[in-house]
Amino acid sequence: MRQRNGKRSVWVPATLAAVLALAGSILVPGSFAGHEAPINAAANSPATRTLDFDADRLAELRQQEKTIFVYFSADWCVTCHMNEQRAIDIASTQQAFEQADVITMKGDWTNGDPAITAFLEQHGRSGVPLYLWYTPDQNEPEVLSQILAPNVLSTLAGKSG
């Protein structure tokens, strides 16, 4: 609209937005200084490796009375990536999972896998993220919040171990 009206200050809003975005990108990482950094995926031990989601394999592991953390994510899901960086792929969670022998399964819904879609619908969801905590003493999984606190998984693992 400003261009049509011949205003000279056309670039002021765009410049202001760019400056604010740059300032935000500099300030935001510092605000998370108290949180753990994500672990290096290459440094994972075999015990903490994440299995690809498979409903049959999940049922098999449940019959073996294993504690299982199942989560569904997608490459385009910002909330999923935030949870992975701040709660799942951090050293304290992975150490707690290893100590409690928790098995992790991840379902990638990036391309709308029909098997994952059906599983999500069984749990009352139409999309990701979905976080499920299975323990041997429960028939149904505990459905965790869509926003994971950094210590929630290590706390659950500590109760299971």
N, C-alpha and C. Protein backbone atom coordinates (compact mmCIF):
# COMPACT_ATOMS: atom_id res chain seq x y z
N MET A 1 0.82 -1.17 0.00
CA MET A 1 0.00 0.00 0.00
C MET A 1 0.88 1.26 0.00
N ARG A 2 1.96 1.19 0.75
CA ARG A 2 2.85 2.34 0.81
C ARG A 2 3.47 2.62 -0.55
N GLN A 3 3.79 1.55 -1.29
CA GLN A 3 4.38 1.75 -2.60
C GLN A 3 3.40 2.44 -3.54
N ARG A 4 2.14 2.04 -3.48
CA ARG A 4 1.13 2.66 -4.35
C ARG A 4 0.94 4.13 -4.02
N ASN A 5 1.05 4.48 -2.79
CA ASN A 5 0.84 5.87 -2.37
C ASN A 5 2.09 6.73 -2.55
N GLY A 6 3.20 6.11 -2.99
CA GLY A 6 4.41 6.87 -3.24
C GLY A 6 5.14 7.31 -1.99
N LYS A 7 4.97 6.63 -0.88
CA LYS A 7 5.64 6.99 0.37
C LYS A 7 7.13 6.63 0.27
N ARG A 8 7.96 7.47 0.85
CA ARG A 8 9.40 7.22 0.82
C ARG A 8 9.85 6.26 1.91
N SER A 9 9.08 6.09 2.94
CA SER A 9 9.49 5.25 4.07
C SER A 9 8.99 3.82 3.93
N VAL A 10 9.00 3.32 2.70
CA VAL A 10 8.51 1.97 2.42
C VAL A 10 9.32 0.92 3.17
N TRP A 11 10.61 1.10 3.32
CA TRP A 11 11.47 0.08 3.90
C TRP A 11 11.54 0.13 5.42
N VAL A 12 10.97 1.12 6.05
CA VAL A 12 11.05 1.25 7.51
C VAL A 12 10.43 0.03 8.21
N PRO A 13 9.20 -0.39 7.90
CA PRO A 13 8.64 -1.56 8.59
C PRO A 13 9.45 -2.84 8.35
N ALA A 14 9.92 -3.02 7.12
CA ALA A 14 10.71 -4.21 6.81
C ALA A 14 12.04 -4.19 7.55
N THR A 15 12.68 -3.04 7.61
CA THR A 15 13.94 -2.91 8.31
C THR A 15 13.75 -3.14 9.81
N LEU A 16 12.69 -2.58 10.36
CA LEU A 16 12.39 -2.78 11.77
C LEU A 16 12.16 -4.26 12.07
N ALA A 17 11.42 -4.94 11.21
CA ALA A 17 11.16 -6.37 11.40
C ALA A 17 12.45 -7.17 11.33
N ALA A 18 13.34 -6.84 10.39
CA ALA A 18 14.61 -7.54 10.26
C ALA A 18 15.49 -7.33 11.50
N VAL A 19 15.53 -6.11 12.01
CA VAL A 19 16.32 -5.81 13.20
C VAL A 19 15.77 -6.58 14.41
N LEU A 20 14.45 -6.61 14.57
CA LEU A 20 13.85 -7.35 15.68
C LEU A 20 14.12 -8.85 15.56
N ALA A 21 14.04 -9.39 14.35
CA ALA A 21 14.31 -10.82 14.15
C ALA A 21 15.76 -11.14 14.49
N LEU A 22 16.68 -10.29 14.07
CA LEU A 22 18.10 -10.49 14.36
C LEU A 22 18.35 -10.41 15.86
N ALA A 23 17.77 -9.42 16.51
CA ALA A 23 17.93 -9.28 17.96
C ALA A 23 17.36 -10.49 18.68
N GLY A 24 16.22 -10.97 18.23
CA GLY A 24 15.61 -12.14 18.84
C GLY A 24 16.47 -13.38 18.69
N SER A 25 17.08 -13.55 17.52
CA SER A 25 17.92 -14.73 17.31
C SER A 25 19.19 -14.68 18.15
N ILE A 26 19.62 -13.49 18.50
CA ILE A 26 20.81 -13.35 19.36
C ILE A 26 20.43 -13.56 20.82
N LEU A 27 19.30 -13.03 21.25
CA LEU A 27 18.90 -13.08 22.64
C LEU A 27 18.30 -14.41 23.07
N VAL A 28 17.54 -15.05 22.22
CA VAL A 28 16.83 -16.27 22.61
C VAL A 28 17.75 -17.40 23.01
N PRO A 29 18.83 -17.72 22.25
CA PRO A 29 19.68 -18.81 22.71
C PRO A 29 20.22 -18.60 24.11
N GLY A 30 20.52 -17.37 24.49
CA GLY A 30 21.01 -17.08 25.83
C GLY A 30 19.98 -17.34 26.91
N SER A 31 18.70 -17.26 26.57
CA SER A 31 17.67 -17.47 27.57
C SER A 31 17.52 -18.94 27.94
N PHE A 32 18.10 -19.83 27.17
CA PHE A 32 18.02 -21.26 27.46
C PHE A 32 19.33 -21.77 28.05
N ALA A 33 20.18 -20.89 28.55
CA ALA A 33 21.50 -21.27 29.05
C ALA A 33 21.43 -22.27 30.18
N GLY A 34 20.35 -22.30 30.94
CA GLY A 34 20.23 -23.23 32.06
C GLY A 34 19.84 -24.63 31.65
N HIS A 35 19.49 -24.83 30.39
CA HIS A 35 19.08 -26.15 29.93
C HIS A 35 20.25 -26.89 29.33
N GLU A 36 20.14 -28.21 29.34
CA GLU A 36 21.19 -29.04 28.77
C GLU A 36 21.22 -28.91 27.26
N ALA A 37 22.39 -29.08 26.71
CA ALA A 37 22.52 -29.13 25.26
C ALA A 37 22.08 -30.50 24.77
N PRO A 38 21.57 -30.59 23.55
CA PRO A 38 21.22 -31.90 23.01
C PRO A 38 22.46 -32.77 22.91
N ILE A 39 22.26 -34.06 23.07
CA ILE A 39 23.39 -34.98 22.97
C ILE A 39 23.73 -35.19 21.51
N ASN A 40 24.94 -35.58 21.26
CA ASN A 40 25.39 -35.89 19.91
C ASN A 40 24.83 -37.25 19.53
N ALA A 41 24.05 -37.31 18.46
CA ALA A 41 23.41 -38.56 18.05
C ALA A 41 24.44 -39.65 17.78
N ALA A 42 25.62 -39.28 17.29
CA ALA A 42 26.65 -40.27 17.01
C ALA A 42 27.21 -40.87 18.29
N ALA A 43 27.06 -40.16 19.40
CA ALA A 43 27.60 -40.63 20.68
C ALA A 43 26.64 -41.57 21.41
N ASN A 44 25.44 -41.78 20.88
CA ASN A 44 24.48 -42.66 21.55
C ASN A 44 25.03 -44.07 21.64
N SER A 45 24.83 -44.68 22.79
CA SER A 45 25.20 -46.08 22.92
C SER A 45 24.07 -46.92 22.36
N PRO A 46 24.31 -48.20 22.05
CA PRO A 46 23.24 -49.04 21.52
C PRO A 46 22.04 -49.11 22.45
N ALA A 47 22.25 -48.97 23.76
CA ALA A 47 21.14 -49.07 24.71
C ALA A 47 20.17 -47.89 24.59
N THR A 48 20.66 -46.75 24.10
CA THR A 48 19.80 -45.59 24.02
C THR A 48 19.35 -45.30 22.59
N ARG A 49 19.66 -46.18 21.68
CA ARG A 49 19.25 -46.00 20.29
C ARG A 49 17.73 -46.04 20.18
N THR A 50 17.19 -45.23 19.30
CA THR A 50 15.75 -45.15 19.11
C THR A 50 15.33 -46.08 17.98
N LEU A 51 14.30 -46.90 18.26
CA LEU A 51 13.76 -47.80 17.24
C LEU A 51 12.72 -47.06 16.41
N ASP A 52 12.59 -47.46 15.15
CA ASP A 52 11.52 -46.93 14.32
C ASP A 52 10.20 -47.53 14.80
N PHE A 53 9.15 -46.70 14.80
CA PHE A 53 7.85 -47.18 15.27
C PHE A 53 7.32 -48.30 14.40
N ASP A 54 6.85 -49.33 15.07
CA ASP A 54 6.18 -50.46 14.42
C ASP A 54 5.19 -51.00 15.45
N ALA A 55 3.91 -50.98 15.11
CA ALA A 55 2.87 -51.39 16.07
C ALA A 55 3.05 -52.83 16.52
N ASP A 56 3.45 -53.71 15.61
CA ASP A 56 3.67 -55.12 15.98
C ASP A 56 4.84 -55.26 16.94
N ARG A 57 5.91 -54.55 16.67
CA ARG A 57 7.08 -54.58 17.56
C ARG A 57 6.73 -53.99 18.93
N LEU A 58 5.93 -52.95 18.95
CA LEU A 58 5.48 -52.36 20.21
C LEU A 58 4.70 -53.39 21.02
N ALA A 59 3.79 -54.09 20.39
CA ALA A 59 3.00 -55.11 21.09
C ALA A 59 3.91 -56.22 21.63
N GLU A 60 4.89 -56.60 20.86
CA GLU A 60 5.85 -57.63 21.28
C GLU A 60 6.64 -57.17 22.51
N LEU A 61 7.12 -55.94 22.49
CA LEU A 61 7.87 -55.39 23.63
C LEU A 61 6.99 -55.26 24.86
N ARG A 62 5.74 -54.90 24.66
CA ARG A 62 4.82 -54.79 25.80
C ARG A 62 4.59 -56.16 26.44
N GLN A 63 4.53 -57.21 25.63
CA GLN A 63 4.38 -58.56 26.19
C GLN A 63 5.60 -58.97 27.00
N GLN A 64 6.74 -58.40 26.68
CA GLN A 64 7.98 -58.67 27.43
C GLN A 64 8.07 -57.80 28.68
N GLU A 65 7.01 -57.05 28.95
CA GLU A 65 6.92 -56.17 30.12
C GLU A 65 8.06 -55.17 30.21
N LYS A 66 8.28 -54.49 29.10
CA LYS A 66 9.30 -53.45 29.02
C LYS A 66 8.65 -52.08 29.24
N THR A 67 9.42 -51.14 29.76
CA THR A 67 8.99 -49.75 29.81
C THR A 67 9.38 -49.13 28.48
N ILE A 68 8.40 -48.47 27.84
CA ILE A 68 8.61 -47.98 26.48
C ILE A 68 8.12 -46.54 26.36
N PHE A 69 8.96 -45.72 25.78
CA PHE A 69 8.57 -44.34 25.45
C PHE A 69 8.39 -44.30 23.94
N VAL A 70 7.17 -43.99 23.50
CA VAL A 70 6.85 -43.91 22.08
C VAL A 70 6.48 -42.47 21.77
N TYR A 71 7.09 -41.94 20.72
CA TYR A 71 6.71 -40.58 20.33
C TYR A 71 6.63 -40.46 18.82
N PHE A 72 5.77 -39.54 18.41
CA PHE A 72 5.50 -39.31 17.00
C PHE A 72 5.85 -37.87 16.67
N SER A 73 6.59 -37.69 15.60
CA SER A 73 7.13 -36.40 15.22
C SER A 73 7.05 -36.25 13.71
N ALA A 74 7.39 -35.07 13.23
CA ALA A 74 7.48 -34.81 11.80
C ALA A 74 8.52 -33.71 11.58
N ASP A 75 9.17 -33.75 10.44
CA ASP A 75 10.21 -32.77 10.14
C ASP A 75 9.69 -31.34 10.19
N TRP A 76 8.44 -31.14 9.85
CA TRP A 76 7.85 -29.80 9.79
C TRP A 76 7.23 -29.36 11.11
N CYS A 77 7.28 -30.20 12.13
CA CYS A 77 6.63 -29.91 13.42
C CYS A 77 7.60 -29.17 14.34
N VAL A 78 7.37 -27.88 14.53
CA VAL A 78 8.23 -27.05 15.37
C VAL A 78 8.18 -27.51 16.82
N THR A 79 6.99 -27.81 17.32
CA THR A 79 6.85 -28.27 18.71
C THR A 79 7.62 -29.57 18.92
N CYS A 80 7.55 -30.47 17.95
CA CYS A 80 8.27 -31.74 18.04
C CYS A 80 9.78 -31.51 18.18
N HIS A 81 10.31 -30.63 17.33
CA HIS A 81 11.75 -30.35 17.37
C HIS A 81 12.14 -29.69 18.69
N MET A 82 11.31 -28.79 19.18
CA MET A 82 11.60 -28.14 20.45
C MET A 82 11.66 -29.18 21.58
N ASN A 83 10.68 -30.09 21.61
CA ASN A 83 10.66 -31.12 22.64
C ASN A 83 11.86 -32.05 22.53
N GLU A 84 12.23 -32.39 21.30
CA GLU A 84 13.40 -33.26 21.12
C GLU A 84 14.66 -32.57 21.65
N GLN A 85 14.83 -31.29 21.35
CA GLN A 85 16.02 -30.57 21.79
C GLN A 85 16.06 -30.30 23.28
N ARG A 86 14.90 -30.07 23.89
CA ARG A 86 14.86 -29.65 25.30
C ARG A 86 14.51 -30.76 26.27
N ALA A 87 13.96 -31.90 25.79
CA ALA A 87 13.53 -32.92 26.74
C ALA A 87 13.91 -34.35 26.36
N ILE A 88 13.96 -34.66 25.08
CA ILE A 88 14.20 -36.05 24.68
C ILE A 88 15.68 -36.32 24.43
N ASP A 89 16.29 -35.55 23.54
CA ASP A 89 17.68 -35.79 23.13
C ASP A 89 18.69 -35.07 24.01
N ILE A 90 18.47 -35.13 25.32
CA ILE A 90 19.43 -34.52 26.25
C ILE A 90 20.06 -35.62 27.09
N ALA A 91 21.24 -35.34 27.57
CA ALA A 91 22.03 -36.36 28.28
C ALA A 91 21.29 -36.93 29.50
N SER A 92 20.66 -36.09 30.31
CA SER A 92 20.01 -36.61 31.52
C SER A 92 18.87 -37.57 31.19
N THR A 93 18.11 -37.28 30.15
CA THR A 93 17.03 -38.19 29.75
C THR A 93 17.62 -39.50 29.24
N GLN A 94 18.61 -39.41 28.38
CA GLN A 94 19.19 -40.63 27.81
C GLN A 94 19.87 -41.48 28.88
N GLN A 95 20.52 -40.85 29.85
CA GLN A 95 21.13 -41.60 30.96
C GLN A 95 20.07 -42.28 31.80
N ALA A 96 18.99 -41.56 32.10
CA ALA A 96 17.90 -42.14 32.89
C ALA A 96 17.26 -43.31 32.14
N PHE A 97 17.07 -43.16 30.83
CA PHE A 97 16.50 -44.24 30.02
C PHE A 97 17.41 -45.46 30.05
N GLU A 98 18.71 -45.23 29.95
CA GLU A 98 19.66 -46.35 29.96
C GLU A 98 19.65 -47.06 31.31
N GLN A 99 19.64 -46.29 32.39
CA GLN A 99 19.64 -46.89 33.73
C GLN A 99 18.36 -47.67 34.00
N ALA A 100 17.24 -47.19 33.51
CA ALA A 100 15.95 -47.85 33.76
C ALA A 100 15.58 -48.83 32.65
N ASP A 101 16.45 -48.99 31.67
CA ASP A 101 16.22 -49.91 30.54
C ASP A 101 14.93 -49.56 29.78
N VAL A 102 14.74 -48.27 29.53
CA VAL A 102 13.58 -47.79 28.78
C VAL A 102 13.88 -47.91 27.29
N ILE A 103 12.94 -48.45 26.56
CA ILE A 103 13.06 -48.55 25.11
C ILE A 103 12.34 -47.36 24.49
N THR A 104 12.96 -46.77 23.49
CA THR A 104 12.38 -45.62 22.81
C THR A 104 12.02 -46.00 21.38
N MET A 105 10.80 -45.62 20.98
CA MET A 105 10.36 -45.81 19.59
C MET A 105 9.90 -44.45 19.07
N LYS A 106 10.26 -44.16 17.83
CA LYS A 106 9.86 -42.89 17.22
C LYS A 106 9.14 -43.16 15.91
N GLY A 107 7.98 -42.54 15.78
CA GLY A 107 7.22 -42.61 14.53
C GLY A 107 7.38 -41.32 13.76
N ASP A 108 7.86 -41.41 12.54
CA ASP A 108 8.06 -40.24 11.69
C ASP A 108 6.83 -40.05 10.80
N TRP A 109 6.09 -38.98 11.07
CA TRP A 109 4.84 -38.70 10.37
C TRP A 109 5.02 -37.59 9.34
N THR A 110 6.26 -37.34 8.93
CA THR A 110 6.56 -36.26 7.98
C THR A 110 5.73 -36.37 6.71
N ASN A 111 5.61 -37.57 6.19
CA ASN A 111 4.89 -37.78 4.93
C ASN A 111 3.51 -38.39 5.15
N GLY A 112 3.00 -38.34 6.37
CA GLY A 112 1.65 -38.81 6.65
C GLY A 112 1.47 -40.31 6.53
N ASP A 113 2.39 -41.09 7.08
CA ASP A 113 2.32 -42.55 7.06
C ASP A 113 0.95 -43.04 7.53
N PRO A 114 0.24 -43.86 6.72
CA PRO A 114 -1.11 -44.31 7.08
C PRO A 114 -1.17 -45.15 8.36
N ALA A 115 -0.14 -45.95 8.63
CA ALA A 115 -0.13 -46.77 9.85
C ALA A 115 -0.01 -45.86 11.08
N ILE A 116 0.81 -44.85 10.98
CA ILE A 116 0.97 -43.90 12.09
C ILE A 116 -0.30 -43.07 12.24
N THR A 117 -0.91 -42.67 11.13
CA THR A 117 -2.17 -41.92 11.18
C THR A 117 -3.22 -42.71 11.93
N ALA A 118 -3.34 -44.00 11.64
CA ALA A 118 -4.32 -44.86 12.32
C ALA A 118 -3.99 -44.95 13.81
N PHE A 119 -2.72 -45.07 14.16
CA PHE A 119 -2.31 -45.16 15.56
C PHE A 119 -2.62 -43.87 16.30
N LEU A 120 -2.33 -42.73 15.66
CA LEU A 120 -2.65 -41.44 16.26
C LEU A 120 -4.16 -41.33 16.53
N GLU A 121 -4.97 -41.74 15.56
CA GLU A 121 -6.42 -41.68 15.70
C GLU A 121 -6.92 -42.58 16.83
N GLN A 122 -6.27 -43.73 17.02
CA GLN A 122 -6.63 -44.63 18.13
C GLN A 122 -6.43 -43.94 19.48
N HIS A 123 -5.54 -42.97 19.51
CA HIS A 123 -5.24 -42.25 20.75
C HIS A 123 -5.86 -40.86 20.76
N GLY A 124 -6.87 -40.66 19.91
CA GLY A 124 -7.62 -39.41 19.92
C GLY A 124 -6.89 -38.21 19.35
N ARG A 125 -5.90 -38.45 18.51
CA ARG A 125 -5.13 -37.35 17.93
C ARG A 125 -5.28 -37.34 16.42
N SER A 126 -5.21 -36.14 15.87
CA SER A 126 -5.26 -36.00 14.42
C SER A 126 -3.92 -35.54 13.86
N GLY A 127 -2.92 -35.42 14.73
CA GLY A 127 -1.61 -34.99 14.30
C GLY A 127 -0.57 -35.15 15.39
N VAL A 128 0.62 -34.66 15.10
CA VAL A 128 1.73 -34.76 16.03
C VAL A 128 1.94 -33.41 16.71
N PRO A 129 2.57 -33.41 17.86
CA PRO A 129 3.26 -34.50 18.54
C PRO A 129 2.32 -35.35 19.40
N LEU A 130 2.74 -36.57 19.60
CA LEU A 130 2.08 -37.46 20.55
C LEU A 130 3.18 -38.20 21.29
N TYR A 131 3.10 -38.19 22.63
CA TYR A 131 4.09 -38.83 23.49
C TYR A 131 3.38 -39.82 24.40
N LEU A 132 3.80 -41.08 24.33
CA LEU A 132 3.17 -42.14 25.11
C LEU A 132 4.21 -42.83 25.99
N TRP A 133 3.83 -43.09 27.24
CA TRP A 133 4.71 -43.75 28.20
C TRP A 133 4.04 -45.05 28.63
N TYR A 134 4.63 -46.17 28.23
CA TYR A 134 4.10 -47.50 28.55
C TYR A 134 4.90 -48.11 29.69
N THR A 135 4.21 -48.60 30.70
CA THR A 135 4.87 -49.34 31.78
C THR A 135 4.23 -50.72 31.88
N PRO A 136 4.97 -51.70 32.38
CA PRO A 136 4.44 -53.06 32.45
C PRO A 136 3.18 -53.20 33.31
N ASP A 137 3.02 -52.34 34.31
CA ASP A 137 1.90 -52.47 35.24
C ASP A 137 0.62 -51.76 34.79
N GLN A 138 0.62 -51.16 33.61
CA GLN A 138 -0.56 -50.44 33.12
C GLN A 138 -1.02 -51.03 31.79
N ASN A 139 -2.35 -51.12 31.63
CA ASN A 139 -2.90 -51.62 30.38
C ASN A 139 -2.83 -50.59 29.27
N GLU A 140 -3.01 -49.33 29.63
CA GLU A 140 -3.00 -48.24 28.65
C GLU A 140 -1.81 -47.33 28.93
N PRO A 141 -1.27 -46.71 27.88
CA PRO A 141 -0.13 -45.81 28.11
C PRO A 141 -0.57 -44.51 28.76
N GLU A 142 0.38 -43.87 29.40
CA GLU A 142 0.15 -42.51 29.89
C GLU A 142 0.42 -41.58 28.72
N VAL A 143 -0.56 -40.74 28.41
CA VAL A 143 -0.40 -39.76 27.33
C VAL A 143 0.21 -38.52 27.96
N LEU A 144 1.40 -38.16 27.48
CA LEU A 144 2.12 -37.03 28.04
C LEU A 144 1.71 -35.74 27.33
N SER A 145 2.02 -34.64 27.95
CA SER A 145 1.71 -33.32 27.40
C SER A 145 2.38 -33.12 26.05
N GLN A 146 1.77 -32.29 25.21
CA GLN A 146 2.37 -31.98 23.91
C GLN A 146 3.60 -31.09 24.05
N ILE A 147 3.73 -30.41 25.17
CA ILE A 147 4.94 -29.63 25.48
C ILE A 147 5.61 -30.33 26.65
N LEU A 148 6.79 -30.88 26.41
CA LEU A 148 7.49 -31.64 27.45
C LEU A 148 8.42 -30.75 28.26
N ALA A 149 8.30 -30.85 29.57
CA ALA A 149 9.25 -30.17 30.45
C ALA A 149 10.58 -30.92 30.35
N PRO A 150 11.70 -30.23 30.51
CA PRO A 150 13.01 -30.87 30.34
C PRO A 150 13.24 -32.09 31.23
N ASN A 151 12.64 -32.16 32.41
CA ASN A 151 12.93 -33.27 33.32
C ASN A 151 11.83 -34.33 33.38
N VAL A 152 10.76 -34.18 32.63
CA VAL A 152 9.62 -35.09 32.77
C VAL A 152 9.99 -36.53 32.41
N LEU A 153 10.77 -36.74 31.37
CA LEU A 153 11.10 -38.10 30.95
C LEU A 153 12.08 -38.78 31.91
N SER A 154 13.06 -38.04 32.38
CA SER A 154 14.00 -38.64 33.34
C SER A 154 13.29 -38.95 34.65
N THR A 155 12.32 -38.14 35.04
CA THR A 155 11.53 -38.42 36.24
C THR A 155 10.71 -39.69 36.07
N LEU A 156 10.06 -39.84 34.93
CA LEU A 156 9.29 -41.06 34.66
C LEU A 156 10.18 -42.28 34.63
N ALA A 157 11.35 -42.15 34.01
CA ALA A 157 12.29 -43.26 33.94
C ALA A 157 12.77 -43.64 35.34
N GLY A 158 12.99 -42.65 36.20
CA GLY A 158 13.42 -42.92 37.57
C GLY A 158 12.38 -43.71 38.35
N LYS A 159 11.11 -43.47 38.08
CA LYS A 159 10.03 -44.22 38.72
C LYS A 159 9.94 -45.65 38.20
N SER A 160 10.38 -45.83 36.94
CA SER A 160 10.28 -47.15 36.32
C SER A 160 11.47 -48.04 36.68
N GLY A 161 12.60 -47.39 36.96
CA GLY A 161 13.83 -48.15 37.20
C GLY A 161 13.85 -48.68 38.56
